[in-house]
Structures are given as structure tokens and as C-alpha cells.
Amino acid sequence: MGRRLLALVLVTGACNAELMDPRDTPVDAQPAGDGSTSDGSDGQVMLGPWGTPTMIPGANTAAGEDDATMSPTGLEIIFAISDAADQGRKDLYVMTRTSTSGAFSTPTKLPFSVTGSSEETPRLTTNGKTLYFASDRAGGAGGLDIYMATRASPADAWSAPALVPGPNTTASEKWFMPCGSGNDYLLVAGPDLAMGTINGAAPTVVAELSSTSSETGTFLTSDCLTTYFASSRSGAFQIYTSHRTSVSTAWQTPTVVSDFASVGGAQEDPWISADGRTFLFVSNVSGSKDVYISTR
């Protein structure tokens, strides 16, 4: 299936994230490599190749769906749908299922999606209690800004969204992806990838990851050492990955993720489950953007 994705051992015990829920940690803990991952025993579990990606029913219409993220249980998926009746602005929708082998429900719009503004690029935390997303609604710093909504449990209603302190500027920010203790994050700022600290100064562009083209779809593992994102640096959007050996070292030159090349189309918006067994991404090969899932 093409070049195997980079593998990474999940770093545990680093996620107490006082500034996220302010109690949560990011859901995205482990990259999707074909290498070994710990099974908690003396040995290592070798993950096999990715299964054939399939469209997710309900997230594969002509309306255009993208920006997908999944809950840690795999029972909930949140994604964006473009609304032609609202000048193509995006709204966030949720689908649920009762088991990881079951079908998802019909999409339901999240209550804080507002007509006349765009809500997009969601990311859930590990306990499913905090959702980060971007919106250009009134009251922000300008353009798209990063908001967070919380809930007491996955069964409860979401709170009113609030601006996240630190990342928002008069430019547009989206795809907010925290890592580690929750203080550090990677996001898309304008056409570039940038890093910053919650409650800190404005994010700064990461030169090693950015290009003269556009980058989008930021994903970051919880140890802050591996990222996946989409870039148009080679023409149509493709998914790239990069690694660094520590948070104080530079990112390695990004490389193309070719595992899903058989699907075709421009590919973006990567998301990987913490156990490295589920991969979500978006392709426009059907003529509009659709959400795909691959498992192993």
C-alpha cells in the first residue's frame, strides 16, 4: 500500500493538561505506523498494513464533508459540512454508534454551529470532554479563531464555546492541536504551520514544516514529537508526516504518506487513533470532499 507510516511508541503519564478542559489531554496520542507498538506486555505488537479505506456513510454526500475527528472510544465522530445555503460556510456535525463495528447514526448539527459564521476543524481530547474548533463568529480576534467547548461527560450537552487564550490573532487560525501537558500546540495560522503555548504569545511559524504553498489539517501526537498534516507543496493536497527527537530539536523534512494513494484525489485532514489502528482522512476523488476511514 505504498510507504509505511512512521510508528511511534505512545508516551504515557504526561497528560494532566490543566489548561485544556482545563483538565483534559489531547486524544491524538500515537501515530499510525506499521511498526511496533507496546501492548503492555514484555513484547511488542506489530501492526499490519492498513485496510482498504472506505467512505463513512453520512460523511460522503455531495454537500462536501471534511475536518473529521473521532472520540477516544471510536463511538463518536465530529466533522464539518459545507452549507450551500449559507454561502458555503461550514457547520459541525456529530454521528454516533453503539459499537466500533456498528454503523454511525444520521449526522446531527452541533448546537453551537451558527448561521452566518463558519465552525470547522474540530479536535476532541482523550476523555471526549473538550472540543477545540475554529470559528469566525462575532467576538473573536479576527478571521477564524480557536474556541473550546466542554461537557461533563460524553453523554452531556456542550457548554457555550469560549475563546482559547493564546493562539488567536487578527489573522485566521484553525486546526488547533495541543500536546504533552496541553500547554504546547501546533495549528494552522494563515497558510503556514505554527506553534505556541496556551496563555503565551502569538504562535510562530514552524519553518521546517511550512512551505510557499498551503498547509492544513494539523495532527500532533501527545508527546509532541510526530505530526501529520496536508500540504499542496507538490500540487494537489497530500498528507505529509514529520518527526523530531525532542521538543527542543528541529522537525525533520516532511515526507509524503502514500499508504492511501489507491483512493486517489487530493487528500487532507489526517486523524489517527491513540492505538494506531484507525486512520481518518478526506479525499475529493468523488467530486466533492468525503471522509474516509481505514483500520488495521
Protein backbone atom coordinates (compact mmCIF):
# COMPACT_ATOMS: atom_id res chain seq x y z
CA MET A 1 0.00 0.00 0.00
CA GLY A 2 2.90 2.34 -0.52
CA ARG A 3 5.28 3.67 2.03
CA ARG A 4 4.50 2.60 5.52
CA LEU A 5 3.63 5.29 8.01
CA LEU A 6 6.00 6.24 10.78
CA ALA A 7 5.47 4.29 14.03
CA LEU A 8 5.83 5.72 17.48
CA VAL A 9 5.52 4.28 20.99
CA LEU A 10 2.82 6.02 22.97
CA VAL A 11 4.23 8.12 25.74
CA THR A 12 2.04 7.78 28.83
CA GLY A 13 1.72 9.62 32.09
CA ALA A 14 2.43 13.05 30.59
CA CYS A 15 -1.13 14.23 30.24
CA ASN A 16 -2.58 16.13 33.14
CA ALA A 17 -3.37 19.18 31.00
CA GLU A 18 -4.57 21.79 33.48
CA LEU A 19 -5.22 24.28 30.72
CA MET A 20 -7.26 22.16 28.33
CA ASP A 21 -10.57 21.29 29.94
CA PRO A 22 -8.85 22.77 31.91
CA ARG A 23 -8.41 19.09 32.81
CA ASP A 24 -8.16 17.21 29.53
CA THR A 25 -5.39 15.88 27.33
CA PRO A 26 -5.32 15.58 23.55
CA VAL A 27 -6.94 12.48 22.08
CA ASP A 28 -4.33 12.01 19.40
CA ALA A 29 -1.65 10.03 21.16
CA GLN A 30 0.04 7.71 18.71
CA PRO A 31 0.96 7.87 15.05
CA ALA A 32 -0.21 5.34 12.52
CA GLY A 33 2.93 3.47 11.60
CA ASP A 34 3.25 -0.11 10.51
CA GLY A 35 5.98 -0.59 13.10
CA SER A 36 5.62 -1.93 16.62
CA THR A 37 3.56 -0.52 19.43
CA SER A 38 3.57 -1.65 23.03
CA ASP A 39 0.76 -3.94 24.16
CA GLY A 40 1.59 -3.51 27.83
CA SER A 41 3.38 -6.87 27.99
CA ASP A 42 7.04 -7.81 27.66
CA GLY A 43 6.71 -7.98 23.86
CA GLN A 44 5.62 -5.65 21.10
CA VAL A 45 2.57 -5.81 18.89
CA MET A 46 3.39 -5.42 15.22
CA LEU A 47 0.64 -3.56 13.41
CA GLY A 48 -0.10 -4.80 9.93
CA PRO A 49 -0.86 -2.83 6.77
CA TRP A 50 -3.84 -0.53 6.53
CA GLY A 51 -7.10 -1.94 5.25
CA THR A 52 -8.72 -0.55 2.13
CA PRO A 53 -10.13 2.89 3.01
CA THR A 54 -13.90 3.25 2.74
CA MET A 55 -16.18 6.28 2.78
CA ILE A 56 -18.05 6.82 6.05
CA PRO A 57 -21.82 6.82 5.35
CA GLY A 58 -23.30 10.17 6.35
CA ALA A 59 -19.98 11.90 5.70
CA ASN A 60 -19.91 11.18 1.98
CA THR A 61 -22.59 13.32 0.32
CA ALA A 62 -22.34 15.88 -2.46
CA ALA A 63 -22.51 18.65 0.16
CA GLY A 64 -18.81 18.32 0.95
CA GLU A 65 -17.63 16.89 4.28
CA ASP A 66 -14.19 17.25 5.86
CA ASP A 67 -12.37 18.09 9.10
CA ALA A 68 -13.13 14.78 10.84
CA THR A 69 -12.10 13.80 14.36
CA MET A 70 -13.16 10.77 16.41
CA SER A 71 -13.74 10.24 20.10
CA PRO A 72 -11.33 8.04 22.08
CA THR A 73 -13.95 5.28 22.24
CA GLY A 74 -14.46 5.32 18.47
CA LEU A 75 -18.20 5.75 19.06
CA GLU A 76 -18.47 9.39 18.04
CA ILE A 77 -17.23 11.30 15.02
CA ILE A 78 -17.38 15.07 14.60
CA PHE A 79 -16.82 16.65 11.20
CA ALA A 80 -17.71 19.69 9.11
CA ILE A 81 -20.25 20.04 6.30
CA SER A 82 -20.31 22.97 3.90
CA ASP A 83 -23.72 24.68 3.75
CA ALA A 84 -24.54 25.90 0.25
CA ALA A 85 -27.46 27.88 1.68
CA ASP A 86 -25.04 29.77 3.96
CA GLN A 87 -22.54 30.79 1.27
CA GLY A 88 -20.53 27.60 1.72
CA ARG A 89 -19.79 28.23 5.38
CA LYS A 90 -19.13 25.14 7.47
CA ASP A 91 -21.12 23.69 10.36
CA LEU A 92 -20.04 20.96 12.76
CA TYR A 93 -22.00 17.72 12.84
CA VAL A 94 -21.79 14.63 15.03
CA MET A 95 -22.57 10.98 14.34
CA THR A 96 -22.58 8.24 16.98
CA ARG A 97 -22.67 4.47 17.04
CA THR A 98 -23.16 1.84 19.74
CA SER A 99 -20.09 -0.24 18.88
CA THR A 100 -16.93 0.16 16.83
CA SER A 101 -18.26 -2.41 14.37
CA GLY A 102 -21.64 -0.71 14.02
CA ALA A 103 -22.92 1.92 11.63
CA PHE A 104 -22.94 5.61 12.52
CA SER A 105 -26.20 7.46 13.07
CA THR A 106 -27.56 10.20 10.84
CA PRO A 107 -25.48 13.42 11.20
CA THR A 108 -26.81 15.94 13.72
CA LYS A 109 -25.67 19.56 13.78
CA LEU A 110 -23.89 20.60 16.97
CA PRO A 111 -25.84 23.29 18.84
CA PHE A 112 -23.13 25.95 18.70
CA SER A 113 -22.90 25.95 14.90
CA VAL A 114 -24.25 29.38 13.93
CA THR A 115 -25.75 30.51 10.64
CA GLY A 116 -23.69 33.35 9.22
CA SER A 117 -20.41 32.05 10.65
CA SER A 118 -18.20 29.06 9.97
CA GLU A 119 -17.39 26.35 12.50
CA GLU A 120 -14.70 23.89 11.42
CA THR A 121 -11.52 21.87 12.19
CA PRO A 122 -12.66 20.06 15.37
CA ARG A 123 -10.35 18.15 17.71
CA LEU A 124 -11.55 16.13 20.74
CA THR A 125 -9.48 15.45 23.86
CA THR A 126 -8.72 11.99 25.29
CA ASN A 127 -11.73 11.81 27.58
CA GLY A 128 -14.07 13.33 24.99
CA LYS A 129 -14.94 16.23 27.31
CA THR A 130 -13.34 19.12 25.43
CA LEU A 131 -13.74 20.06 21.80
CA TYR A 132 -11.49 22.60 20.08
CA PHE A 133 -12.63 24.15 16.82
CA ALA A 134 -12.21 27.26 14.67
CA SER A 135 -14.90 29.86 14.02
CA ASP A 136 -15.18 33.32 12.51
CA ARG A 137 -18.18 34.22 14.68
CA ALA A 138 -18.54 37.69 16.16
CA GLY A 139 -16.43 38.42 19.23
CA GLY A 140 -13.18 36.88 18.03
CA ALA A 141 -9.83 38.49 17.33
CA GLY A 142 -10.35 38.41 13.55
CA GLY A 143 -10.81 35.82 10.84
CA LEU A 144 -11.04 32.27 12.15
CA ASP A 145 -10.21 31.93 15.85
CA ILE A 146 -9.79 28.94 18.15
CA TYR A 147 -12.67 28.15 20.52
CA MET A 148 -13.28 25.39 23.05
CA ALA A 149 -16.48 23.81 24.35
CA THR A 150 -16.67 21.41 27.29
CA ARG A 151 -19.08 18.84 28.70
CA ALA A 152 -19.19 16.87 31.94
CA SER A 153 -19.29 13.55 30.09
CA PRO A 154 -19.80 12.35 26.51
CA ALA A 155 -23.49 11.92 27.34
CA ASP A 156 -23.92 15.56 28.42
CA ALA A 157 -24.57 18.73 26.44
CA TRP A 158 -21.74 21.00 25.33
CA SER A 159 -21.07 24.29 27.10
CA ALA A 160 -21.15 27.61 25.29
CA PRO A 161 -17.91 27.98 23.30
CA ALA A 162 -15.16 30.24 24.69
CA LEU A 163 -12.04 31.65 23.04
CA VAL A 164 -8.84 29.76 23.84
CA PRO A 165 -6.24 32.14 25.33
CA GLY A 166 -3.01 32.48 23.40
CA PRO A 167 -3.36 31.39 19.77
CA ASN A 168 -5.79 33.95 18.36
CA THR A 169 -4.65 36.93 16.29
CA THR A 170 -6.18 39.23 13.68
CA ALA A 171 -5.23 36.59 11.09
CA SER A 172 -7.02 33.24 10.76
CA GLU A 173 -6.12 30.29 12.97
CA LYS A 174 -7.53 26.76 12.69
CA TRP A 175 -6.67 23.10 13.34
CA PHE A 176 -5.62 23.73 16.94
CA MET A 177 -3.77 20.60 18.15
CA PRO A 178 -2.42 20.58 21.74
CA CYS A 179 0.11 18.05 23.00
CA GLY A 180 2.03 16.96 26.07
CA SER A 181 0.77 18.73 29.18
CA GLY A 182 -1.64 20.67 26.99
CA ASN A 183 0.34 23.91 27.13
CA ASP A 184 2.05 23.46 23.75
CA TYR A 185 0.18 23.28 20.48
CA LEU A 186 0.53 23.17 16.71
CA LEU A 187 -2.01 24.86 14.46
CA VAL A 188 -2.56 26.35 11.03
CA ALA A 189 -2.00 30.13 11.03
CA GLY A 190 -2.87 31.58 7.65
CA PRO A 191 -1.22 29.24 5.09
CA ASP A 192 1.51 28.02 7.48
CA LEU A 193 2.01 25.69 10.42
CA ALA A 194 2.81 27.46 13.67
CA MET A 195 3.50 26.52 17.28
CA GLY A 196 2.75 28.28 20.51
CA THR A 197 1.81 27.96 24.16
CA ILE A 198 -1.62 28.42 25.68
CA ASN A 199 -1.75 31.74 27.54
CA GLY A 200 1.51 32.63 25.80
CA ALA A 201 2.47 34.91 22.95
CA ALA A 202 1.06 34.58 19.44
CA PRO A 203 2.10 31.37 17.65
CA THR A 204 5.23 31.42 15.50
CA VAL A 205 5.63 29.79 12.09
CA VAL A 206 7.50 26.46 12.02
CA ALA A 207 9.82 26.92 9.04
CA GLU A 208 10.74 23.22 8.76
CA LEU A 209 7.09 22.23 8.23
CA SER A 210 5.78 25.18 6.26
CA SER A 211 6.25 25.92 2.56
CA THR A 212 5.45 28.58 -0.01
CA SER A 213 2.21 26.65 -0.66
CA SER A 214 -0.63 25.95 1.78
CA GLU A 215 -0.67 23.64 4.80
CA THR A 216 -3.77 22.40 6.60
CA GLY A 217 -5.21 19.57 8.70
CA THR A 218 -2.79 19.63 11.64
CA PHE A 219 -2.47 16.45 13.71
CA LEU A 220 0.03 16.10 16.55
CA THR A 221 0.83 13.15 18.78
CA SER A 222 0.53 13.67 22.53
CA ASP A 223 4.29 13.52 23.09
CA CYS A 224 4.65 16.48 20.68
CA LEU A 225 7.15 14.57 18.52
CA THR A 226 5.22 13.47 15.41
CA THR A 227 2.91 15.47 13.19
CA TYR A 228 0.70 14.71 10.22
CA PHE A 229 -0.72 17.44 8.03
CA ALA A 230 -1.75 18.17 4.45
CA SER A 231 0.15 20.37 2.03
CA SER A 232 -0.20 21.48 -1.58
CA ARG A 233 3.59 21.92 -1.97
CA SER A 234 3.68 19.21 -4.65
CA GLY A 235 0.47 20.23 -6.42
CA ALA A 236 -2.76 18.69 -5.15
CA PHE A 237 -3.05 18.34 -1.38
CA GLN A 238 -1.27 15.30 0.02
CA ILE A 239 -0.77 14.08 3.57
CA TYR A 240 2.73 14.54 4.99
CA THR A 241 4.39 13.44 8.20
CA SER A 242 7.39 14.68 10.16
CA HIS A 243 9.13 13.68 13.37
CA ARG A 244 11.52 15.29 15.82
CA THR A 245 13.60 13.63 18.52
CA SER A 246 12.64 16.05 21.29
CA VAL A 247 10.56 19.19 21.77
CA SER A 248 13.76 21.25 21.64
CA THR A 249 15.03 19.88 18.31
CA ALA A 250 14.02 20.80 14.77
CA TRP A 251 11.40 18.91 12.79
CA GLN A 252 12.71 16.56 10.13
CA THR A 253 11.94 17.20 6.47
CA PRO A 254 8.28 16.20 5.91
CA THR A 255 7.65 13.11 3.77
CA VAL A 256 4.53 12.06 1.86
CA VAL A 257 2.19 9.49 3.41
CA SER A 258 1.43 7.21 0.46
CA ASP A 259 -0.49 4.43 2.24
CA PHE A 260 -3.81 5.63 0.86
CA ALA A 261 -2.70 6.53 -2.66
CA SER A 262 -5.08 3.94 -4.12
CA VAL A 263 -8.05 6.12 -3.12
CA GLY A 264 -6.84 8.96 -5.34
CA GLY A 265 -7.85 12.60 -5.30
CA ALA A 266 -6.45 15.37 -3.15
CA GLN A 267 -6.06 14.06 0.42
CA GLU A 268 -6.05 16.04 3.65
CA ASP A 269 -7.31 16.25 7.26
CA PRO A 270 -5.46 13.26 8.81
CA TRP A 271 -6.52 11.85 12.18
CA ILE A 272 -5.06 8.78 13.91
CA SER A 273 -6.40 6.90 16.91
CA ALA A 274 -4.27 6.55 20.03
CA ASP A 275 -3.71 2.83 19.41
CA GLY A 276 -2.58 3.45 15.84
CA ARG A 277 -5.33 1.25 14.38
CA THR A 278 -7.73 3.81 12.88
CA PHE A 279 -6.93 6.49 10.33
CA LEU A 280 -9.36 9.14 9.10
CA PHE A 281 -8.71 11.39 6.13
CA VAL A 282 -10.53 13.29 3.41
CA SER A 283 -10.41 12.86 -0.37
CA ASN A 284 -12.21 14.74 -3.13
CA VAL A 285 -11.91 11.92 -5.67
CA SER A 286 -15.72 11.63 -5.91
CA GLY A 287 -16.04 15.26 -6.99
CA SER A 288 -16.70 16.59 -3.50
CA LYS A 289 -14.87 16.08 -0.22
CA ASP A 290 -15.74 12.91 1.69
CA VAL A 291 -14.44 11.37 4.91
CA TYR A 292 -12.67 8.01 4.63
CA ILE A 293 -11.71 5.51 7.31
CA SER A 294 -9.04 2.82 7.29
CA THR A 295 -8.39 0.32 10.07
CA ARG A 296 -5.95 -2.46 10.88
